[in-house]
Protein backbone atom coordinates (compact mmCIF):
# COMPACT_ATOMS: atom_id res chain seq x y z
CA UNK A 1 0.00 0.00 0.00
CA UNK A 2 1.41 3.36 -1.00
CA UNK A 3 1.32 6.44 1.21
CA UNK A 4 -1.15 8.07 -1.18
CA UNK A 5 -3.50 5.10 -0.92
CA UNK A 6 -3.27 5.21 2.87
CA UNK A 7 -4.12 8.92 2.95
CA UNK A 8 -7.04 8.48 0.55
CA UNK A 9 -8.35 5.55 2.60
CA UNK A 10 -8.17 7.65 5.77
CA UNK A 11 -9.96 10.59 4.12
CA UNK A 12 -12.75 8.37 2.82
CA UNK A 13 -13.19 6.67 6.20
CA UNK A 14 -13.13 10.01 8.03
CA UNK A 15 -15.82 11.58 5.87
CA UNK A 16 -17.95 8.43 5.92
CA UNK A 17 -17.73 8.35 9.72
CA UNK A 18 -18.57 12.07 9.84
CA UNK A 19 -21.68 11.58 7.72
CA UNK A 20 -22.79 8.79 10.05
CA UNK A 21 -22.10 10.85 13.19
CA UNK A 22 -23.65 14.17 12.16
CA UNK A 23 -27.32 13.31 12.82
CA UNK A 24 -26.60 11.63 16.18
CA UNK A 25 -28.13 13.44 19.21
CA UNK A 26 -29.16 16.56 17.28
CA UNK A 27 -31.86 18.75 18.82
CA UNK A 28 -33.73 21.00 16.41
CA UNK A 29 -35.04 24.48 17.09
CA UNK A 30 -38.55 23.14 16.65
CA UNK A 31 -38.01 20.55 19.39
CA UNK A 32 -36.63 23.17 21.76
CA UNK A 33 -39.38 25.66 20.94
CA UNK A 34 -36.95 28.54 20.30
CA UNK A 35 -36.96 29.24 16.58
CA UNK A 36 -34.59 32.02 15.51
CA UNK A 37 -36.27 34.32 12.96
CA UNK A 38 -35.08 33.59 9.42
CA UNK A 39 -34.13 29.96 10.09
CA UNK A 40 -36.17 26.80 9.56
CA UNK A 41 -37.54 24.91 12.54
CA UNK A 42 -35.41 21.93 11.56
CA UNK A 43 -32.15 23.83 12.09
CA UNK A 44 -30.06 22.39 14.95
CA UNK A 45 -29.70 24.37 18.16
CA UNK A 46 -26.36 22.91 19.26
CA UNK A 47 -24.87 20.48 16.71
CA UNK A 48 -21.80 19.73 18.93
CA UNK A 49 -19.46 19.85 15.93
CA UNK A 50 -16.25 19.93 17.95
CA UNK A 51 -17.15 16.88 20.01
CA UNK A 52 -18.29 14.99 16.92
CA UNK A 53 -15.08 15.85 15.04
CA UNK A 54 -13.05 14.51 17.97
CA UNK A 55 -14.93 11.20 18.09
CA UNK A 56 -15.01 10.89 14.30
CA UNK A 57 -11.23 11.25 14.21
CA UNK A 58 -10.76 8.57 16.87
CA UNK A 59 -13.18 6.09 15.27
CA UNK A 60 -11.82 6.72 11.76
CA UNK A 61 -8.25 6.23 13.01
CA UNK A 62 -9.13 2.88 14.58
CA UNK A 63 -10.94 1.71 11.45
CA UNK A 64 -8.10 2.96 9.27
CA UNK A 65 -5.46 1.13 11.33
CA UNK A 66 -7.48 -2.08 11.15
CA UNK A 67 -7.98 -1.82 7.38
CA UNK A 68 -4.37 -0.87 6.65
CA UNK A 69 -3.05 -3.75 8.73
CA UNK A 70 -5.46 -6.12 6.97
CA UNK A 71 -4.42 -4.86 3.53
CA UNK A 72 -0.69 -4.94 4.30
CA UNK A 73 -0.94 -8.38 5.94
CA UNK A 74 -2.50 -9.78 2.78
CA UNK A 75 -4.42 -12.52 4.55
CA UNK A 76 -7.20 -12.51 1.98
CA UNK A 77 -6.36 -12.39 -1.69
CA UNK A 78 -8.46 -12.43 -4.83
CA UNK A 79 -7.87 -16.18 -5.13
CA UNK A 80 -9.38 -16.70 -1.67
CA UNK A 81 -12.68 -15.12 -2.65
CA UNK A 82 -12.84 -16.72 -6.11
CA UNK A 83 -15.76 -19.10 -5.61
CA UNK A 84 -15.96 -20.26 -9.26
CA UNK A 85 -12.20 -21.10 -9.46
CA UNK A 86 -11.55 -18.95 -12.51
CA UNK A 87 -8.26 -17.49 -11.31
């Protein structure tokens, strides 16, 4: 695995984890009953972006380390998943 592939893998995992984490524990202005004029009721009151970025970085780093070690180890190859024996 090249360094570029490792960086791209980390970026993809980080953004995927961020997209999963963004809607977790979000309270909308409509739920709180305090709607700021000019904003929709579905706008979040406190999205906790800093906390989510911290946890996303930790989870993405763990997933990345696991995937990189699995790829570098080479325990599963294309021939291992070839169920029709065409390789």
